[in-house]
N, C-alpha and C. Protein backbone atom coordinates (compact mmCIF):
# COMPACT_ATOMS: atom_id res chain seq x y z
N SER A 1 14.47 3.36 6.87
CA SER A 1 14.12 3.61 8.24
C SER A 1 12.65 4.24 8.69
N PHE A 2 12.11 5.11 7.41
CA PHE A 2 10.95 5.50 7.40
C PHE A 2 9.74 4.31 7.41
N ARG A 3 9.73 3.58 6.78
CA ARG A 3 8.91 2.29 6.75
C ARG A 3 9.20 1.34 8.16
N ASN A 4 10.28 1.33 8.65
CA ASN A 4 10.28 0.66 9.99
C ASN A 4 9.72 1.41 11.13
N ALA A 5 9.91 2.61 11.21
CA ALA A 5 9.40 3.40 12.13
C ALA A 5 8.12 3.58 12.13
N LEU A 6 7.48 3.69 10.64
CA LEU A 6 6.09 3.61 10.75
C LEU A 6 5.32 2.19 10.86
N HIS A 7 6.10 1.29 10.38
CA HIS A 7 5.61 0.08 10.91
C HIS A 7 5.49 -0.08 12.79
N GLY A 8 6.26 0.12 13.40
CA GLY A 8 6.31 0.11 14.53
C GLY A 8 5.27 0.96 15.23
N SER A 9 4.90 2.29 14.61
CA SER A 9 3.94 3.47 15.28
C SER A 9 2.79 2.81 15.21
N LEU A 10 2.51 1.88 13.61
CA LEU A 10 1.20 1.34 13.40
C LEU A 10 1.16 0.20 14.53
N GLU A 11 1.68 -0.66 14.65
CA GLU A 11 1.52 -2.06 15.53
C GLU A 11 1.37 -1.44 16.74
N ASP A 12 2.31 -0.58 17.53
CA ASP A 12 2.05 -0.32 18.80
C ASP A 12 0.90 0.84 19.09
N SER A 13 0.65 1.64 18.16
CA SER A 13 -0.42 2.48 18.36
C SER A 13 -1.85 2.51 18.16
N PHE A 14 -1.69 1.20 16.91
CA PHE A 14 -3.26 0.72 16.57
C PHE A 14 -3.58 -0.43 16.41
N GLY A 15 -2.39 -1.16 17.03
CA GLY A 15 -2.98 -2.67 17.19
C GLY A 15 -2.99 -3.50 15.82
N VAL A 16 -2.42 -2.88 15.05
CA VAL A 16 -2.45 -3.40 13.59
C VAL A 16 -1.10 -4.33 13.37
N LYS A 17 -1.37 -5.50 12.60
CA LYS A 17 -0.25 -6.46 12.34
C LYS A 17 0.31 -6.06 11.07
N VAL A 18 1.50 -5.83 11.04
CA VAL A 18 1.93 -5.27 9.67
C VAL A 18 3.00 -6.51 9.14
N LEU A 19 2.94 -6.80 7.79
CA LEU A 19 3.77 -7.55 7.17
C LEU A 19 4.14 -7.24 5.78
N HIS A 20 5.58 -7.39 5.70
CA HIS A 20 6.31 -6.89 4.43
C HIS A 20 6.13 -8.22 3.66
N VAL A 21 5.49 -8.30 2.52
CA VAL A 21 5.24 -9.45 1.71
C VAL A 21 5.88 -9.21 0.35
N THR A 22 6.70 -10.29 0.16
CA THR A 22 7.32 -10.23 -1.13
C THR A 22 6.82 -11.77 -2.27
N GLU A 23 6.42 -11.28 -3.21
CA GLU A 23 5.73 -12.19 -4.35
C GLU A 23 6.48 -11.87 -5.56
N PHE A 24 6.64 -13.09 -6.19
CA PHE A 24 7.15 -13.03 -7.53
C PHE A 24 6.07 -13.19 -8.73
N ASP A 25 6.04 -11.98 -9.58
CA ASP A 25 5.10 -11.76 -10.74
C ASP A 25 5.47 -12.52 -11.81
N TYR A 26 5.20 -13.87 -12.17
CA TYR A 26 5.74 -14.53 -13.38
C TYR A 26 5.07 -14.12 -14.52
N THR A 27 3.94 -13.22 -14.54
CA THR A 27 3.41 -12.77 -15.82
C THR A 27 3.74 -11.32 -16.35
N GLY A 28 4.49 -10.59 -15.63
CA GLY A 28 4.85 -9.39 -15.83
C GLY A 28 3.66 -8.54 -15.63
N GLU A 29 2.53 -8.63 -14.85
CA GLU A 29 1.61 -8.08 -14.56
C GLU A 29 1.66 -6.75 -13.96
N VAL A 30 2.57 -6.64 -13.22
CA VAL A 30 2.70 -5.32 -12.20
C VAL A 30 3.65 -4.23 -12.96
N PHE A 31 4.61 -4.78 -13.57
CA PHE A 31 5.96 -4.17 -13.94
C PHE A 31 6.20 -4.02 -15.53
N GLY A 32 5.43 -5.01 -16.31
CA GLY A 32 5.49 -5.18 -17.41
C GLY A 32 6.57 -6.21 -17.79
N ASN A 33 7.24 -6.91 -17.08
CA ASN A 33 8.21 -7.95 -17.15
C ASN A 33 8.26 -8.66 -15.93
N LEU A 34 8.83 -9.84 -15.71
CA LEU A 34 8.80 -10.77 -14.69
C LEU A 34 9.84 -10.06 -13.67
N ASP A 35 9.40 -10.05 -12.21
CA ASP A 35 10.03 -9.16 -11.30
C ASP A 35 9.20 -9.58 -10.07
N GLN A 36 9.95 -9.23 -8.86
CA GLN A 36 9.40 -9.48 -7.51
C GLN A 36 8.73 -8.15 -7.22
N VAL A 37 7.59 -8.46 -6.57
CA VAL A 37 6.46 -7.54 -6.22
C VAL A 37 6.67 -7.47 -4.59
N GLU A 38 6.70 -6.11 -4.28
CA GLU A 38 6.66 -6.09 -2.76
C GLU A 38 5.66 -5.19 -1.96
N ILE A 39 4.72 -5.57 -1.00
CA ILE A 39 3.74 -4.90 -0.53
C ILE A 39 3.51 -5.13 0.64
N ASP A 40 2.92 -4.12 1.37
CA ASP A 40 2.60 -4.00 2.81
C ASP A 40 1.22 -4.72 2.95
N VAL A 41 0.97 -5.53 3.92
CA VAL A 41 -0.15 -5.93 4.31
C VAL A 41 -0.45 -5.61 5.83
N LEU A 42 -1.48 -5.00 5.84
CA LEU A 42 -2.02 -4.76 7.24
C LEU A 42 -3.03 -5.48 7.62
N ILE A 43 -3.36 -5.97 8.92
CA ILE A 43 -4.54 -6.92 9.14
C ILE A 43 -4.85 -6.36 10.86
N LYS A 44 -6.16 -5.91 10.80
CA LYS A 44 -6.74 -5.79 11.79
C LYS A 44 -8.29 -6.03 11.91
N ASP A 45 -8.39 -6.84 13.17
CA ASP A 45 -9.89 -7.16 13.21
C ASP A 45 -10.28 -7.75 11.95
N GLY A 46 -9.81 -8.58 11.17
CA GLY A 46 -10.18 -9.12 9.96
C GLY A 46 -10.26 -8.45 8.89
N LEU A 47 -9.63 -7.26 8.92
CA LEU A 47 -9.82 -6.46 7.78
C LEU A 47 -8.34 -6.62 6.95
N LEU A 48 -8.67 -6.69 5.70
CA LEU A 48 -7.42 -6.60 4.92
C LEU A 48 -6.98 -5.51 4.38
N ILE A 49 -5.81 -4.91 4.71
CA ILE A 49 -5.61 -3.67 4.16
C ILE A 49 -4.12 -3.74 3.39
N LEU A 50 -4.07 -3.25 2.03
CA LEU A 50 -2.71 -3.10 1.51
C LEU A 50 -2.55 -1.76 1.47
N CYS A 51 -1.06 -1.69 1.68
CA CYS A 51 -0.49 -0.41 1.82
C CYS A 51 0.82 -0.35 1.24
N GLU A 52 1.05 1.07 0.58
CA GLU A 52 2.50 1.60 -0.11
C GLU A 52 2.90 2.53 0.89
N ILE A 53 4.03 2.37 1.45
CA ILE A 53 4.76 3.20 2.20
C ILE A 53 6.05 3.67 1.62
N LYS A 54 5.98 5.02 1.23
CA LYS A 54 7.29 5.44 0.63
C LYS A 54 7.47 6.85 1.20
N SER A 55 8.68 7.37 0.81
CA SER A 55 9.23 8.65 1.24
C SER A 55 8.33 9.70 0.07
N SER A 56 8.05 9.18 -0.87
CA SER A 56 7.44 10.21 -1.58
C SER A 56 6.80 9.33 -2.76
N MET A 57 5.63 10.05 -3.53
CA MET A 57 5.00 9.21 -4.55
C MET A 57 4.49 10.16 -5.79
N SER A 58 4.77 9.48 -6.85
CA SER A 58 4.44 10.39 -7.95
C SER A 58 3.08 9.68 -8.59
N ARG A 59 2.50 10.09 -9.62
CA ARG A 59 1.42 9.63 -10.40
C ARG A 59 1.61 8.28 -10.61
N SER A 60 3.00 8.11 -11.44
CA SER A 60 3.16 6.52 -11.93
C SER A 60 3.14 5.54 -10.53
N ASP A 61 3.83 6.18 -9.49
CA ASP A 61 3.94 5.14 -8.07
C ASP A 61 2.47 4.72 -7.90
N VAL A 62 1.48 5.61 -7.81
CA VAL A 62 0.03 5.35 -7.35
C VAL A 62 -0.44 4.36 -8.35
N TYR A 63 -0.22 4.48 -9.86
CA TYR A 63 -0.72 3.45 -10.81
C TYR A 63 -0.17 2.19 -10.43
N THR A 64 1.15 2.31 -10.05
CA THR A 64 1.85 0.97 -10.01
C THR A 64 1.32 0.23 -8.57
N PHE A 65 1.08 0.95 -7.60
CA PHE A 65 0.33 0.41 -6.24
C PHE A 65 -0.98 -0.31 -6.62
N GLY A 66 -1.72 0.35 -7.51
CA GLY A 66 -2.89 0.11 -8.10
C GLY A 66 -2.86 -1.52 -8.58
N ARG A 67 -1.90 -1.45 -9.61
CA ARG A 67 -1.34 -2.87 -10.14
C ARG A 67 -1.07 -3.83 -9.20
N LYS A 68 -0.32 -3.53 -8.07
CA LYS A 68 0.21 -4.46 -7.29
C LYS A 68 -1.09 -4.84 -6.24
N VAL A 69 -2.04 -4.03 -6.07
CA VAL A 69 -3.18 -4.39 -5.50
C VAL A 69 -3.95 -5.54 -6.18
N LYS A 70 -4.25 -5.21 -7.36
CA LYS A 70 -4.79 -6.17 -8.20
C LYS A 70 -4.14 -7.62 -8.49
N PHE A 71 -2.77 -7.21 -8.39
CA PHE A 71 -1.86 -8.68 -8.41
C PHE A 71 -1.99 -9.76 -7.53
N TYR A 72 -1.89 -8.83 -5.95
CA TYR A 72 -2.03 -9.62 -4.81
C TYR A 72 -3.37 -10.09 -4.81
N GLU A 73 -4.57 -9.57 -4.95
CA GLU A 73 -5.76 -9.88 -4.84
C GLU A 73 -6.06 -11.16 -5.71
N LYS A 74 -5.45 -11.03 -6.79
CA LYS A 74 -5.67 -12.11 -7.77
C LYS A 74 -4.72 -13.37 -7.18
N LEU A 75 -3.44 -13.02 -6.74
CA LEU A 75 -2.78 -14.23 -6.20
C LEU A 75 -3.22 -14.91 -5.32
N HIS A 76 -3.89 -14.15 -4.24
CA HIS A 76 -4.53 -14.79 -2.98
C HIS A 76 -5.75 -15.15 -3.06
N GLN A 77 -6.62 -14.63 -4.37
CA GLN A 77 -7.93 -14.83 -4.25
C GLN A 77 -8.64 -14.20 -2.92
N CYS A 78 -8.49 -12.91 -2.85
CA CYS A 78 -9.13 -12.38 -1.84
C CYS A 78 -9.57 -10.86 -2.29
N ILE A 79 -10.24 -10.15 -1.49
CA ILE A 79 -10.50 -8.62 -1.87
C ILE A 79 -10.04 -8.01 -0.55
N THR A 80 -9.41 -6.94 -1.31
CA THR A 80 -8.72 -5.96 -0.06
C THR A 80 -9.90 -5.18 0.57
N THR A 81 -10.04 -4.88 1.90
CA THR A 81 -10.74 -3.98 2.57
C THR A 81 -10.63 -2.79 2.25
N ARG A 82 -9.45 -2.12 2.09
CA ARG A 82 -8.78 -0.86 1.70
C ARG A 82 -7.61 -0.88 1.27
N LYS A 83 -7.20 0.26 0.55
CA LYS A 83 -6.22 0.53 0.14
C LYS A 83 -5.49 1.83 0.44
N ILE A 84 -4.27 2.08 0.97
CA ILE A 84 -3.82 3.27 1.38
C ILE A 84 -2.35 3.46 0.96
N ILE A 85 -2.17 4.57 0.93
CA ILE A 85 -0.63 5.00 0.65
C ILE A 85 -0.20 5.95 1.90
N ILE A 86 0.75 5.66 2.37
CA ILE A 86 1.34 6.67 3.38
C ILE A 86 2.85 7.15 2.84
N SER A 87 2.65 8.55 2.74
CA SER A 87 3.85 9.43 2.25
C SER A 87 4.09 10.77 2.41
N PRO A 88 5.02 11.10 3.27
CA PRO A 88 5.08 12.44 3.48
C PRO A 88 5.20 13.60 2.40
N MET A 89 5.44 12.80 1.45
CA MET A 89 5.40 13.84 -0.19
C MET A 89 4.82 13.14 -1.17
N ILE A 90 3.58 13.72 -1.46
CA ILE A 90 2.80 13.25 -2.54
C ILE A 90 2.16 14.21 -3.51
N GLU A 91 2.55 14.04 -4.69
CA GLU A 91 2.26 15.07 -5.69
C GLU A 91 0.51 15.23 -6.01
N GLN A 92 0.58 16.41 -6.07
CA GLN A 92 -0.96 16.57 -6.34
C GLN A 92 -1.70 15.82 -7.43
N SER A 93 -1.20 15.42 -8.44
CA SER A 93 -1.68 14.70 -9.60
C SER A 93 -1.82 13.20 -9.19
N ALA A 94 -0.80 12.79 -8.12
CA ALA A 94 -1.06 11.54 -7.57
C ALA A 94 -2.00 11.58 -6.63
N ARG A 95 -2.29 12.58 -5.90
CA ARG A 95 -3.53 12.48 -5.14
C ARG A 95 -4.91 12.35 -5.95
N LEU A 96 -4.83 13.02 -7.06
CA LEU A 96 -6.04 12.84 -7.92
C LEU A 96 -6.13 11.15 -8.40
N VAL A 97 -5.16 10.61 -8.83
CA VAL A 97 -5.14 9.30 -9.30
C VAL A 97 -5.66 8.58 -8.31
N ALA A 98 -4.69 8.67 -7.20
CA ALA A 98 -5.42 7.69 -6.06
C ALA A 98 -6.82 7.58 -5.60
N GLU A 99 -7.26 9.00 -5.65
CA GLU A 99 -9.02 9.13 -5.44
C GLU A 99 -9.64 8.47 -6.47
N LYS A 100 -9.09 8.81 -7.73
CA LYS A 100 -10.00 7.74 -8.86
C LYS A 100 -9.82 6.21 -8.57
N LEU A 101 -8.77 5.63 -8.08
CA LEU A 101 -8.54 4.35 -8.04
C LEU A 101 -8.96 3.77 -6.44
N GLY A 102 -9.58 4.79 -5.76
CA GLY A 102 -10.00 4.43 -4.48
C GLY A 102 -9.04 4.09 -3.36
N ILE A 103 -8.21 4.74 -3.53
CA ILE A 103 -6.91 4.69 -2.66
C ILE A 103 -6.88 5.64 -1.74
N ASP A 104 -6.82 5.49 -0.07
CA ASP A 104 -6.87 6.52 0.67
C ASP A 104 -5.33 6.93 0.72
N VAL A 105 -5.29 8.25 0.92
CA VAL A 105 -3.81 8.87 1.22
C VAL A 105 -3.47 9.34 2.40
N TYR A 106 -2.66 9.28 3.07
CA TYR A 106 -2.25 9.94 4.26
C TYR A 106 -0.83 10.49 4.24
N SER A 107 -0.29 11.93 4.37
CA SER A 107 0.82 12.40 4.23
C SER A 107 1.54 12.42 5.89
N TYR A 108 0.96 11.97 6.79
CA TYR A 108 1.71 11.82 7.75
C TYR A 108 0.87 10.70 8.78
N ALA A 109 1.69 9.93 9.72
CA ALA A 109 1.36 8.84 10.39
C ALA A 109 0.17 9.20 11.34
N GLU A 110 0.22 10.38 11.76
CA GLU A 110 -0.98 10.97 12.66
C GLU A 110 -1.97 10.81 12.05
N GLU A 111 -2.33 11.01 10.61
CA GLU A 111 -3.52 11.02 9.91
C GLU A 111 -4.37 9.85 10.08
N VAL A 112 -3.57 8.61 10.11
CA VAL A 112 -3.89 7.49 10.01
C VAL A 112 -4.72 7.20 11.32
N GLN A 113 -5.98 7.37 11.36
CA GLN A 113 -6.92 7.26 12.43
C GLN A 113 -7.84 6.20 12.68
N ASP A 114 -8.34 5.86 11.44
CA ASP A 114 -9.48 5.14 11.45
C ASP A 114 -8.87 3.57 10.74
N LEU A 115 -8.05 3.03 11.00
CA LEU A 115 -7.85 1.57 10.13
C LEU A 115 -8.77 0.72 10.92
C-alpha cells in the first residue's frame, strides 16, 4: 500500500510516469542466484530514474539496489539519469552507502521535489 500511495502521489503531483518492472536475472548478477528482479522506473521529460521504494532500508538493501541498477542498465543498454531511494525508515549506515554509490535518499514523499 505504501508503494501504491507513493506511485499515485508522484504521478499526480509531479507528472512522473511510474512503471513497476520485473525482469529475470539469468546470470545471478543481483542476488547471487537466478531470480526475478523488481525495480521501479520513473520517466519524466526524457529522464530515466530508477527507484527503490521500501518501508525500510538497511545497508545491504542499498547495495542490492545498486546491483539492480547495474543489471537494468546492462539489460536495457541505457544509462540512468538518477537513482533514488524512497523510504520512511533508513539506517544511517545505509545513507552513507547510498551517498558512496551516488544514490539520492528521500525519507518522505514531500522531500521529492526536483525529479
